[in-house]
Amino acid sequence: MDFIARLHAALLDLGRGALRWFANGWRIVHLGAVILVLAVSPSSYRRGFWPLLAQQLYGATMPVLLWFTVLSALLGLVLIRIVVVTALSYGLSQYAVDMVVRVLVLELIPLGAALFVALRITIPQGAELMALRRQGAFEACQAQGRDVLHWFVLPRALAGMFSVFMLAAVSCLVALVLAYLNIYGFNPWAIGSYTRIVGQVFNPVVTLIFTFKTFFFALTVALIPLASSLYAAASTDRRAGGELQSLVRMFLALLAIELVSLMGNYY
C-alpha cells in the first residue's frame, strides 16, 4: 500500500509539473504574440518611445558585436581550414565552398549568435526586469497610465532580436570573406565562380528557411528570459527553479528550431 501511495504521489507531482510546464510555455507564446503585435503597431512608436528603444538597441548590440565577430572569425578560420584540407585530401575540392557555406554560415553562426546574445544580453535583461519588478517600477508605470509591456518589455525584446540579427549578418559576411581568402587567396579571378556557388547554396527555399530560422532564434532568446522574469514567483527558491526551467526551455526551443530547419534544408 505504501508503494502504491508513493507511486500515486509521484504521478501526481509529475502531472502537476507537466501542467506547469505547458502553462508557462503557453504564457511565453501569448507574450510573443502580444510583443509582435506591439512591434508592428505604429502607435507603439510614439515620440517618447524612440530614445528608450535606441538606448536598448545600442546597449544590446554594440558592446558584443566586435567580440562575437572576432570570436566567430577565429573559430570560422579553424573550421574552414579543416574542411578545405579534408576536401583536398579526398579529391573533393570542388565541394569545399559548398560545405563551408552550409556548415558555417547556414547552421553554426546563427545558432552561435543566438546563444551568445542569450548569455550576454537577454538573460541579464531578464534579471534587470526582475529587479525593476521587485522595486515597484511596474506599479509606478501603471499608476502613470502606461502599459508595462510597452515600456519595459517591448524595447528589451526588440533589442535582443536586433542583436541576434546584427551579429549573425556581420559574422556571416566575415565568414564568406574568410572562406574565399582561404580557398582562393587574394586572387580576384575566382570571385565570379565563388559568388555563383554561394548563390546556388542560397536558393530561394534555403534563403527563406535561413531567414525564418534566424527570426525564430532571435524571438526565442529575446522572449523566454523576459517571460520568466514577468511570470516568476516571488520566493527565491521558486525564482531559481523558474530561471533553470527557462534556460532548459530556451535550449529545447533552439534545438527544435534547428532540427526543423535541417529537415527543411536536406529532406
Protein backbone atom coordinates (compact mmCIF):
# COMPACT_ATOMS: atom_id res chain seq x y z
CA MET A 1 0.00 0.00 0.00
CA ASP A 2 2.89 2.38 0.80
CA PHE A 3 4.40 1.68 -2.62
CA ILE A 4 1.09 2.41 -4.36
CA ALA A 5 0.67 5.62 -2.36
CA ARG A 6 4.20 6.78 -3.23
CA LEU A 7 3.63 5.90 -6.89
CA HIS A 8 0.34 7.79 -6.88
CA ALA A 9 2.00 10.83 -5.28
CA ALA A 10 4.87 10.69 -7.79
CA LEU A 11 2.44 10.55 -10.70
CA LEU A 12 0.50 13.50 -9.29
CA ASP A 13 3.70 15.53 -8.93
CA LEU A 14 4.70 14.60 -12.47
CA GLY A 15 1.30 15.63 -13.77
CA ARG A 16 1.41 18.96 -11.93
CA GLY A 17 4.92 19.60 -13.24
CA ALA A 18 3.84 18.87 -16.80
CA LEU A 19 0.82 21.18 -16.44
CA ARG A 20 3.02 23.97 -15.08
CA TRP A 21 5.48 23.40 -17.93
CA PHE A 22 2.80 23.68 -20.61
CA ALA A 23 1.15 26.62 -18.84
CA ASN A 24 4.45 28.51 -18.79
CA GLY A 25 5.00 27.61 -22.43
CA TRP A 26 1.59 28.98 -23.32
CA ARG A 27 2.37 32.20 -21.43
CA ILE A 28 5.55 32.60 -23.48
CA VAL A 29 3.65 32.02 -26.73
CA HIS A 30 1.00 34.54 -25.67
CA LEU A 31 3.64 37.07 -24.68
CA GLY A 32 5.36 36.58 -28.03
CA ALA A 33 2.12 37.23 -29.89
CA VAL A 34 1.49 40.40 -27.85
CA ILE A 35 5.04 41.65 -28.43
CA LEU A 36 4.79 41.02 -32.18
CA VAL A 37 1.50 42.93 -32.32
CA LEU A 38 3.04 45.82 -30.40
CA ALA A 39 6.14 45.72 -32.61
CA VAL A 40 4.16 46.15 -35.84
CA SER A 41 1.71 48.68 -34.42
CA PRO A 42 2.54 52.28 -35.43
CA SER A 43 1.00 53.57 -32.21
CA SER A 44 3.79 51.88 -30.24
CA TYR A 45 6.42 54.20 -31.67
CA ARG A 46 5.37 57.45 -30.13
CA ARG A 47 7.79 60.30 -29.55
CA GLY A 48 8.84 59.34 -26.04
CA PHE A 49 9.48 55.73 -27.02
CA TRP A 50 12.28 56.34 -29.54
CA PRO A 51 15.05 57.36 -27.09
CA LEU A 52 14.33 54.33 -24.91
CA LEU A 53 14.35 52.00 -27.92
CA ALA A 54 17.57 53.49 -29.29
CA GLN A 55 19.26 53.10 -25.91
CA GLN A 56 18.24 49.44 -25.69
CA LEU A 57 19.28 48.69 -29.29
CA TYR A 58 22.69 50.24 -28.79
CA GLY A 59 23.27 48.59 -25.42
CA ALA A 60 22.29 45.15 -26.72
CA THR A 61 24.36 45.26 -29.90
CA MET A 62 27.46 47.44 -29.85
CA PRO A 63 29.21 46.03 -26.73
CA VAL A 64 29.08 42.46 -28.10
CA LEU A 65 29.30 42.97 -31.87
CA LEU A 66 33.08 43.22 -32.08
CA TRP A 67 33.73 40.40 -29.62
CA PHE A 68 31.38 37.97 -31.30
CA THR A 69 32.67 38.86 -34.77
CA VAL A 70 36.27 38.24 -33.72
CA LEU A 71 35.37 35.02 -31.92
CA SER A 72 33.31 33.68 -34.82
CA ALA A 73 36.08 34.67 -37.26
CA LEU A 74 38.71 32.73 -35.28
CA LEU A 75 36.52 29.65 -34.95
CA GLY A 76 35.48 30.01 -38.58
CA LEU A 77 39.11 30.05 -39.72
CA VAL A 78 39.74 26.78 -37.90
CA LEU A 79 36.61 25.15 -39.34
CA ILE A 80 37.28 26.45 -42.85
CA ARG A 81 40.82 25.12 -42.78
CA ILE A 82 39.66 21.71 -41.58
CA VAL A 83 37.01 21.49 -44.29
CA VAL A 84 39.39 22.65 -47.05
CA VAL A 85 42.18 20.26 -46.07
CA THR A 86 39.74 17.36 -45.74
CA ALA A 87 38.16 18.11 -49.11
CA LEU A 88 41.57 18.32 -50.80
CA SER A 89 42.74 15.06 -49.25
CA TYR A 90 39.71 13.22 -50.64
CA GLY A 91 39.81 14.92 -54.02
CA LEU A 92 36.61 16.86 -53.37
CA SER A 93 37.98 20.38 -53.59
CA GLN A 94 35.07 21.44 -55.80
CA TYR A 95 32.72 20.88 -52.85
CA ALA A 96 34.78 22.81 -50.28
CA VAL A 97 32.92 26.10 -50.72
CA ASP A 98 29.55 24.36 -50.58
CA MET A 99 30.44 22.57 -47.35
CA VAL A 100 31.85 25.69 -45.70
CA VAL A 101 28.78 27.77 -46.53
CA ARG A 102 26.33 25.10 -45.43
CA VAL A 103 28.07 24.18 -42.18
CA LEU A 104 29.40 27.55 -41.04
CA VAL A 105 27.07 30.18 -42.49
CA LEU A 106 23.76 28.33 -42.59
CA GLU A 107 23.99 26.40 -39.33
CA LEU A 108 26.68 27.38 -36.84
CA ILE A 109 26.77 31.18 -36.97
CA PRO A 110 23.01 31.83 -36.42
CA LEU A 111 22.91 29.34 -33.55
CA GLY A 112 26.08 30.76 -32.05
CA ALA A 113 24.73 34.31 -32.33
CA ALA A 114 21.52 33.32 -30.57
CA LEU A 115 23.34 31.59 -27.71
CA PHE A 116 25.82 34.45 -27.36
CA VAL A 117 23.06 37.06 -27.17
CA ALA A 118 21.12 34.91 -24.71
CA LEU A 119 24.07 34.60 -22.33
CA ARG A 120 25.37 38.16 -22.63
CA ILE A 121 22.23 40.23 -23.25
CA THR A 122 18.77 38.72 -22.79
CA ILE A 123 19.34 36.71 -19.61
CA PRO A 124 20.82 39.80 -17.87
CA GLN A 125 17.86 41.76 -19.27
CA GLY A 126 15.55 39.28 -17.59
CA ALA A 127 17.37 39.77 -14.29
CA GLU A 128 17.12 43.55 -14.75
CA LEU A 129 13.41 43.26 -15.41
CA MET A 130 13.01 41.13 -12.28
CA ALA A 131 14.85 43.77 -10.23
CA LEU A 132 12.58 46.52 -11.60
CA ARG A 133 9.56 44.38 -10.74
CA ARG A 134 10.74 43.91 -7.14
CA GLN A 135 11.46 47.64 -6.78
CA GLY A 136 7.90 48.52 -7.73
CA ALA A 137 8.66 50.06 -11.12
CA PHE A 138 5.78 48.13 -12.69
CA GLU A 139 3.25 49.58 -10.27
CA ALA A 140 4.65 53.10 -10.76
CA CYS A 141 4.38 52.70 -14.54
CA GLN A 142 0.79 51.53 -14.27
CA ALA A 143 -0.02 54.41 -11.90
CA GLN A 144 1.10 56.80 -14.66
CA GLY A 145 -1.33 55.17 -17.09
CA ARG A 146 1.41 53.40 -19.08
CA ASP A 147 1.49 49.82 -20.27
CA VAL A 148 4.24 47.71 -18.66
CA LEU A 149 4.68 45.54 -21.74
CA HIS A 150 5.08 48.58 -23.98
CA TRP A 151 7.59 50.49 -21.84
CA PHE A 152 9.58 47.70 -20.17
CA VAL A 153 9.29 44.53 -22.24
CA LEU A 154 8.96 45.68 -25.87
CA PRO A 155 12.23 47.70 -26.02
CA ARG A 156 14.24 44.86 -24.50
CA ALA A 157 12.64 42.23 -26.73
CA LEU A 158 13.29 44.27 -29.88
CA ALA A 159 16.86 44.94 -28.74
CA GLY A 160 17.54 41.23 -28.20
CA MET A 161 16.12 40.31 -31.58
CA PHE A 162 18.02 43.09 -33.34
CA SER A 163 21.26 41.98 -31.69
CA VAL A 164 20.85 38.41 -32.95
CA PHE A 165 20.16 39.62 -36.49
CA MET A 166 23.10 42.03 -36.48
CA LEU A 167 25.60 39.55 -35.05
CA ALA A 168 24.51 36.83 -37.46
CA ALA A 169 24.59 39.13 -40.51
CA VAL A 170 28.03 40.62 -39.81
CA SER A 171 29.56 37.26 -38.86
CA CYS A 172 28.13 35.52 -41.93
CA LEU A 173 29.61 38.22 -44.17
CA VAL A 174 33.00 37.91 -42.46
CA ALA A 175 32.85 34.10 -42.77
CA LEU A 176 32.15 34.31 -46.51
CA VAL A 177 35.14 36.64 -47.00
CA LEU A 178 37.41 34.38 -44.92
CA ALA A 179 36.24 31.32 -46.85
CA TYR A 180 37.14 32.98 -50.14
CA LEU A 181 40.58 34.05 -48.90
CA ASN A 182 41.36 30.58 -47.53
CA ILE A 183 40.30 28.75 -50.68
CA TYR A 184 41.33 31.14 -53.45
CA GLY A 185 43.75 33.53 -51.77
CA PHE A 186 43.88 37.20 -52.75
CA ASN A 187 43.30 36.48 -56.44
CA PRO A 188 40.20 38.26 -57.81
CA TRP A 189 39.73 35.84 -60.71
CA ALA A 190 37.56 33.42 -58.70
CA ILE A 191 35.02 35.95 -57.43
CA GLY A 192 32.55 35.07 -60.20
CA SER A 193 32.65 31.32 -59.58
CA TYR A 194 32.62 31.82 -55.81
CA THR A 195 29.53 34.02 -55.87
CA ARG A 196 27.85 31.55 -58.23
CA ILE A 197 28.46 28.65 -55.82
CA VAL A 198 27.23 30.71 -52.87
CA GLY A 199 24.18 31.72 -54.86
CA GLN A 200 23.45 28.08 -55.67
CA VAL A 201 23.57 27.25 -51.95
CA PHE A 202 21.32 30.18 -51.07
CA ASN A 203 18.48 29.21 -53.36
CA PRO A 204 15.04 30.71 -52.57
CA VAL A 205 13.96 27.82 -50.33
CA VAL A 206 17.20 27.76 -48.32
CA THR A 207 17.20 31.56 -48.01
CA LEU A 208 13.62 31.53 -46.72
CA ILE A 209 14.40 28.78 -44.20
CA PHE A 210 17.56 30.61 -43.11
CA THR A 211 15.62 33.85 -42.58
CA PHE A 212 12.82 32.21 -40.62
CA LYS A 213 15.27 30.20 -38.53
CA THR A 214 17.23 33.32 -37.56
CA PHE A 215 13.97 35.13 -36.80
CA PHE A 216 12.71 32.38 -34.51
CA PHE A 217 16.14 32.06 -32.87
CA ALA A 218 16.01 35.78 -32.11
CA LEU A 219 12.42 35.59 -30.89
CA THR A 220 13.20 32.64 -28.62
CA VAL A 221 16.24 34.11 -26.88
CA ALA A 222 14.56 37.51 -26.53
CA LEU A 223 11.24 36.36 -25.09
CA ILE A 224 11.91 33.40 -22.80
CA PRO A 225 14.16 35.22 -20.26
CA LEU A 226 11.78 38.21 -20.21
CA ALA A 227 8.74 35.96 -19.79
CA SER A 228 10.48 34.15 -16.95
CA SER A 229 11.03 37.46 -15.18
CA LEU A 230 7.43 38.56 -15.72
CA TYR A 231 5.78 35.38 -14.52
CA ALA A 232 8.31 34.10 -11.98
CA ALA A 233 7.23 33.52 -8.39
CA ALA A 234 8.27 35.93 -5.69
CA SER A 235 10.19 33.49 -3.48
CA THR A 236 13.90 32.96 -4.06
CA ASP A 237 13.71 29.16 -4.34
CA ARG A 238 10.88 29.25 -6.83
CA ARG A 239 12.60 32.02 -8.78
CA ALA A 240 15.83 29.99 -9.05
CA GLY A 241 13.85 26.96 -10.22
CA GLY A 242 11.98 29.12 -12.71
CA GLU A 243 15.23 30.51 -14.14
CA LEU A 244 16.58 27.00 -14.60
CA GLN A 245 13.37 25.92 -16.30
CA SER A 246 13.51 28.93 -18.60
CA LEU A 247 17.07 28.04 -19.64
CA VAL A 248 16.07 24.45 -20.35
CA ARG A 249 13.01 25.64 -22.27
CA MET A 250 15.13 28.05 -24.31
CA PHE A 251 17.71 25.42 -25.26
CA LEU A 252 14.98 22.94 -26.18
CA ALA A 253 13.26 25.56 -28.33
CA LEU A 254 16.52 26.39 -30.12
CA LEU A 255 17.17 22.69 -30.69
CA ALA A 256 13.67 22.17 -32.09
CA ILE A 257 14.05 25.15 -34.46
CA GLU A 258 17.42 23.85 -35.65
CA LEU A 259 16.02 20.36 -36.27
CA VAL A 260 13.10 21.75 -38.25
CA SER A 261 15.44 23.87 -40.36
CA LEU A 262 17.68 20.87 -41.04
CA MET A 263 14.69 18.86 -42.16
CA GLY A 264 13.60 21.68 -44.45
CA ASN A 265 17.06 22.07 -45.99
CA TYR A 266 18.03 18.45 -46.52
CA TYR A 267 14.81 16.43 -46.86
